[in-house]
Amino acid sequence: MDSTDSPRRRIVEAAVELLEKGGPDAVSTRAVAAAAGMQPPAIYRLFGDKDGLLEAVAEHGYAQFLERKRAQLDPAPQDPVEELRRGWDMVVEFGVSRPELFAVMNRATGRGSDVAHRAGLEILHGRVRRLAAGGWLRVDEELAAQIIQATGQGAVTTWHSTPADRRNPALLTVLRESMVAAVTRAEPAVPAAESGPAAAARALRAALPDDADVLSDAEQRLLREWFTRLAADGGAPHA
């Protein structure tokens, strides 16, 4: 890992500052080198070209993003639905307050950014799993995660595509509550007849340990497949 004052870190932080002030066009090798107090050849030596530098900027953004997500993480929240709201708010606030960095992160294709992106998704899926285990989910876990992601990304995109004088913070609240209503129940379901097998299957699948010694790997896969089928059968509300 780079030290706090390594040449690589100085260059990346200078690039982030230029990016957030002037967008991608402001991140020229000459401007970044000058801001970092270095010569342009150092950028080519460390990053290859501007695209390589922007990939490093994306990795830096993901590191900051994950640090905030992990600091907020509660492995046993008293209210998993409120935890969902806090997590969604944090993602949207990051995208709204740091649009240029957020856009570079979303365009990144490098291995480091991909690993960080997957780490962020693991946190999201953990939240969704806790909702399922508590009987809160009204849809399948995978669909719930997709809805949460899509509404967060959509909120940030819509915010920045709207002229500044027409932006209304109420939009973000409405989108968040629409997401919550789409993926969670007003009250947690219990594995009872009135809840149906879908709700019970979601809760049981979420509670199934990954390393249950009493079941073989094949048995665990089969059990998860059964739970998935049951959870999908009637899981979404009918029109």
Protein backbone atom coordinates (compact mmCIF):
# COMPACT_ATOMS: atom_id res chain seq x y z
CA MET A 1 0.00 0.00 0.00
CA ASP A 2 1.23 3.51 -0.78
CA SER A 3 2.49 5.66 2.03
CA THR A 4 0.53 8.81 2.82
CA ASP A 5 2.98 10.98 0.86
CA SER A 6 4.06 8.64 -1.95
CA PRO A 7 4.41 10.11 -5.46
CA ARG A 8 1.53 7.93 -6.66
CA ARG A 9 -0.80 9.16 -3.93
CA ARG A 10 0.19 12.80 -4.47
CA ILE A 11 -0.57 12.50 -8.18
CA VAL A 12 -3.93 10.76 -7.61
CA GLU A 13 -5.05 13.30 -5.01
CA ALA A 14 -4.03 16.16 -7.30
CA ALA A 15 -6.01 14.55 -10.13
CA VAL A 16 -9.07 14.15 -7.91
CA GLU A 17 -8.94 17.81 -6.92
CA LEU A 18 -8.63 18.95 -10.55
CA LEU A 19 -11.40 16.54 -11.61
CA GLU A 20 -13.85 17.82 -9.01
CA LYS A 21 -13.12 21.44 -9.84
CA GLY A 22 -13.09 21.25 -13.63
CA GLY A 23 -14.26 17.84 -14.82
CA PRO A 24 -12.28 15.25 -16.83
CA ASP A 25 -10.95 17.85 -19.28
CA ALA A 26 -9.10 19.52 -16.40
CA VAL A 27 -7.17 16.30 -15.71
CA SER A 28 -4.34 16.77 -18.20
CA THR A 29 -1.00 15.16 -17.45
CA ARG A 30 0.67 18.57 -17.42
CA ALA A 31 -1.87 20.09 -15.02
CA VAL A 32 -1.81 17.09 -12.70
CA ALA A 33 1.97 16.99 -12.63
CA ALA A 34 2.14 20.70 -11.80
CA ALA A 35 -0.46 20.36 -9.05
CA ALA A 36 1.44 17.41 -7.55
CA GLY A 37 4.77 19.22 -7.77
CA MET A 38 6.20 16.65 -10.19
CA GLN A 39 7.19 16.29 -13.84
CA PRO A 40 4.81 14.81 -16.46
CA PRO A 41 7.04 11.77 -17.14
CA ALA A 42 6.29 10.56 -13.62
CA ILE A 43 2.63 10.15 -14.56
CA TYR A 44 3.46 8.04 -17.61
CA ARG A 45 5.87 5.95 -15.55
CA LEU A 46 3.32 5.28 -12.78
CA PHE A 47 0.04 5.15 -14.71
CA GLY A 48 0.87 4.64 -18.39
CA ASP A 49 -1.46 7.35 -19.72
CA LYS A 50 -4.41 9.55 -18.77
CA ASP A 51 -6.81 6.60 -18.86
CA GLY A 52 -4.60 4.75 -16.40
CA LEU A 53 -4.57 7.80 -14.16
CA LEU A 54 -8.37 8.04 -14.26
CA GLU A 55 -8.59 4.35 -13.31
CA ALA A 56 -6.42 5.13 -10.29
CA VAL A 57 -8.69 8.07 -9.48
CA ALA A 58 -11.69 5.71 -9.62
CA GLU A 59 -9.97 3.27 -7.26
CA HIS A 60 -9.23 6.15 -4.89
CA GLY A 61 -12.91 7.16 -5.01
CA TYR A 62 -14.06 3.62 -4.32
CA ALA A 63 -11.68 3.41 -1.34
CA GLN A 64 -13.25 6.53 0.17
CA PHE A 65 -16.74 5.29 -0.68
CA LEU A 66 -16.16 1.88 0.94
CA GLU A 67 -14.64 3.49 4.01
CA ARG A 68 -17.86 5.46 4.52
CA LYS A 69 -20.04 2.40 3.89
CA ARG A 70 -18.06 0.24 6.31
CA ALA A 71 -18.06 2.94 8.99
CA GLN A 72 -21.86 2.97 8.76
CA LEU A 73 -22.22 -0.81 8.73
CA ASP A 74 -24.15 -2.41 11.59
CA PRO A 75 -24.03 -6.24 11.45
CA ALA A 76 -27.05 -6.54 13.75
CA PRO A 77 -29.26 -3.46 13.28
CA GLN A 78 -32.27 -3.03 15.53
CA ASP A 79 -34.23 -1.69 12.55
CA PRO A 80 -33.05 -3.20 9.22
CA VAL A 81 -35.46 -1.04 7.21
CA GLU A 82 -34.01 2.13 8.71
CA GLU A 83 -30.54 0.72 7.99
CA LEU A 84 -31.64 0.36 4.35
CA ARG A 85 -32.67 4.02 4.30
CA ARG A 86 -29.35 5.15 5.79
CA GLY A 87 -27.36 3.09 3.30
CA TRP A 88 -29.34 4.44 0.33
CA ASP A 89 -28.99 8.02 1.60
CA MET A 90 -25.23 7.62 1.95
CA VAL A 91 -24.80 6.38 -1.63
CA VAL A 92 -26.99 9.13 -3.06
CA GLU A 93 -25.34 11.85 -0.97
CA PHE A 94 -21.92 10.71 -2.24
CA GLY A 95 -23.11 10.86 -5.85
CA VAL A 96 -24.89 14.19 -5.44
CA SER A 97 -22.01 15.90 -3.64
CA ARG A 98 -19.18 14.46 -5.79
CA PRO A 99 -20.64 14.13 -9.29
CA GLU A 100 -17.42 14.12 -11.31
CA LEU A 101 -15.75 11.49 -9.14
CA PHE A 102 -18.94 9.41 -9.04
CA ALA A 103 -19.11 9.48 -12.86
CA VAL A 104 -15.47 8.38 -13.22
CA MET A 105 -16.09 5.56 -10.74
CA ASN A 106 -19.09 4.35 -12.74
CA ARG A 107 -17.06 4.32 -15.98
CA ALA A 108 -14.07 2.51 -14.49
CA THR A 109 -13.23 -0.93 -15.87
CA GLY A 110 -9.98 -1.74 -14.07
CA ARG A 111 -9.50 -4.72 -11.76
CA GLY A 112 -9.06 -2.57 -8.65
CA SER A 113 -12.31 -0.71 -9.26
CA ASP A 114 -14.11 -3.97 -10.01
CA VAL A 115 -12.93 -5.52 -6.75
CA ALA A 116 -14.03 -2.43 -4.81
CA HIS A 117 -17.38 -2.36 -6.61
CA ARG A 118 -17.97 -6.00 -5.66
CA ALA A 119 -17.07 -5.21 -2.04
CA GLY A 120 -19.71 -2.49 -2.04
CA LEU A 121 -22.26 -4.91 -3.49
CA GLU A 122 -21.44 -7.40 -0.73
CA ILE A 123 -22.40 -4.76 1.84
CA LEU A 124 -25.65 -4.14 -0.04
CA HIS A 125 -26.45 -7.85 -0.29
CA GLY A 126 -25.73 -8.21 3.42
CA ARG A 127 -28.35 -5.57 4.17
CA VAL A 128 -30.84 -7.28 1.88
CA ARG A 129 -30.10 -10.66 3.50
CA ARG A 130 -30.84 -9.23 6.95
CA LEU A 131 -34.14 -7.85 5.66
CA ALA A 132 -35.03 -11.27 4.27
CA ALA A 133 -34.05 -13.09 7.45
CA GLY A 134 -36.29 -10.77 9.45
CA GLY A 135 -39.25 -11.38 7.15
CA TRP A 136 -39.24 -7.81 5.79
CA LEU A 137 -38.73 -8.47 2.07
CA ARG A 138 -41.72 -8.49 -0.25
CA VAL A 139 -39.63 -9.46 -3.32
CA ASP A 140 -36.73 -11.80 -4.03
CA GLU A 141 -33.32 -10.77 -2.66
CA GLU A 142 -31.74 -10.32 -6.10
CA LEU A 143 -34.62 -8.17 -7.32
CA ALA A 144 -34.52 -6.14 -4.11
CA ALA A 145 -30.80 -5.42 -4.59
CA GLN A 146 -31.43 -4.38 -8.21
CA ILE A 147 -34.24 -2.02 -7.19
CA ILE A 148 -32.08 -0.44 -4.49
CA GLN A 149 -29.19 0.06 -6.93
CA ALA A 150 -31.37 1.35 -9.75
CA THR A 151 -33.21 3.91 -7.65
CA GLY A 152 -29.95 5.17 -6.13
CA GLN A 153 -28.26 5.55 -9.51
CA GLY A 154 -31.42 7.05 -10.98
CA ALA A 155 -31.70 9.59 -8.17
CA VAL A 156 -28.12 10.80 -8.72
CA THR A 157 -28.48 10.92 -12.51
CA THR A 158 -31.79 12.78 -12.36
CA TRP A 159 -30.44 15.26 -9.82
CA HIS A 160 -27.49 16.23 -11.99
CA SER A 161 -29.49 16.33 -15.22
CA THR A 162 -31.93 18.81 -13.67
CA PRO A 163 -31.01 22.53 -13.82
CA ALA A 164 -29.73 23.69 -10.44
CA ASP A 165 -32.58 26.16 -9.93
CA ARG A 166 -35.16 23.37 -10.41
CA ARG A 167 -33.66 20.74 -8.12
CA ASN A 168 -35.96 19.78 -5.27
CA PRO A 169 -34.55 17.73 -2.36
CA ALA A 170 -38.02 16.23 -1.91
CA LEU A 171 -37.34 14.19 -5.06
CA LEU A 172 -34.65 12.21 -3.26
CA THR A 173 -36.93 11.52 -0.30
CA VAL A 174 -39.78 10.39 -2.56
CA LEU A 175 -37.51 8.08 -4.54
CA ARG A 176 -36.07 6.58 -1.36
CA GLU A 177 -39.49 5.92 0.14
CA SER A 178 -40.73 4.47 -3.15
CA MET A 179 -37.78 2.09 -3.06
CA VAL A 180 -38.51 1.11 0.55
CA ALA A 181 -42.17 0.49 -0.28
CA ALA A 182 -41.23 -1.60 -3.31
CA VAL A 183 -38.88 -3.98 -1.49
CA THR A 184 -40.15 -4.16 2.11
CA ARG A 185 -43.32 -4.91 3.98
CA ALA A 186 -45.01 -2.54 6.43
CA GLU A 187 -44.59 -5.25 9.08
CA PRO A 188 -42.28 -8.28 9.06
CA ALA A 189 -43.91 -11.45 7.84
CA VAL A 190 -43.78 -14.61 9.91
CA PRO A 191 -43.71 -18.12 8.45
CA ALA A 192 -47.45 -18.50 8.87
CA ALA A 193 -50.29 -19.39 6.55
CA GLU A 194 -51.34 -15.76 5.96
CA SER A 195 -47.82 -14.90 4.78
CA GLY A 196 -47.63 -17.75 2.28
CA PRO A 197 -44.61 -19.92 1.45
CA ALA A 198 -42.76 -17.18 -0.44
CA ALA A 199 -42.11 -15.01 2.62
CA ALA A 200 -41.12 -18.01 4.71
CA ALA A 201 -38.76 -19.25 2.00
CA ARG A 202 -37.03 -15.87 1.78
CA ALA A 203 -36.49 -15.76 5.51
CA LEU A 204 -35.27 -19.37 5.72
CA ARG A 205 -32.95 -18.99 2.73
CA ALA A 206 -31.41 -15.83 4.20
CA ALA A 207 -30.90 -17.56 7.55
CA LEU A 208 -29.26 -20.66 6.03
CA PRO A 209 -25.57 -20.58 7.08
CA ASP A 210 -22.94 -20.78 4.35
CA ASP A 211 -20.96 -23.43 6.23
CA ALA A 212 -23.63 -25.66 7.73
CA ASP A 213 -21.77 -28.84 8.75
CA VAL A 214 -24.92 -30.94 8.78
CA LEU A 215 -25.40 -30.54 5.02
CA SER A 216 -23.08 -31.40 2.14
CA ASP A 217 -22.31 -28.79 -0.50
CA ALA A 218 -24.69 -30.52 -2.91
CA GLU A 219 -27.46 -30.58 -0.29
CA GLN A 220 -26.97 -26.90 0.47
CA ARG A 221 -27.18 -26.03 -3.23
CA LEU A 222 -30.34 -28.09 -3.61
CA LEU A 223 -31.94 -26.53 -0.53
CA ARG A 224 -31.11 -23.02 -1.75
CA GLU A 225 -32.60 -23.88 -5.15
CA TRP A 226 -35.85 -25.02 -3.47
CA PHE A 227 -35.99 -21.88 -1.35
CA THR A 228 -35.36 -19.73 -4.44
CA ARG A 229 -38.23 -21.38 -6.30
CA LEU A 230 -40.58 -20.99 -3.37
CA ALA A 231 -39.53 -17.36 -2.83
CA ALA A 232 -40.18 -16.51 -6.47
CA ASP A 233 -43.59 -18.25 -6.54
CA GLY A 234 -46.04 -15.52 -5.68
CA GLY A 235 -43.27 -13.32 -4.25
CA ALA A 236 -44.26 -10.23 -6.21
CA PRO A 237 -47.68 -8.67 -5.61
CA HIS A 238 -50.27 -9.49 -8.27
CA ALA A 239 -51.99 -6.72 -10.23
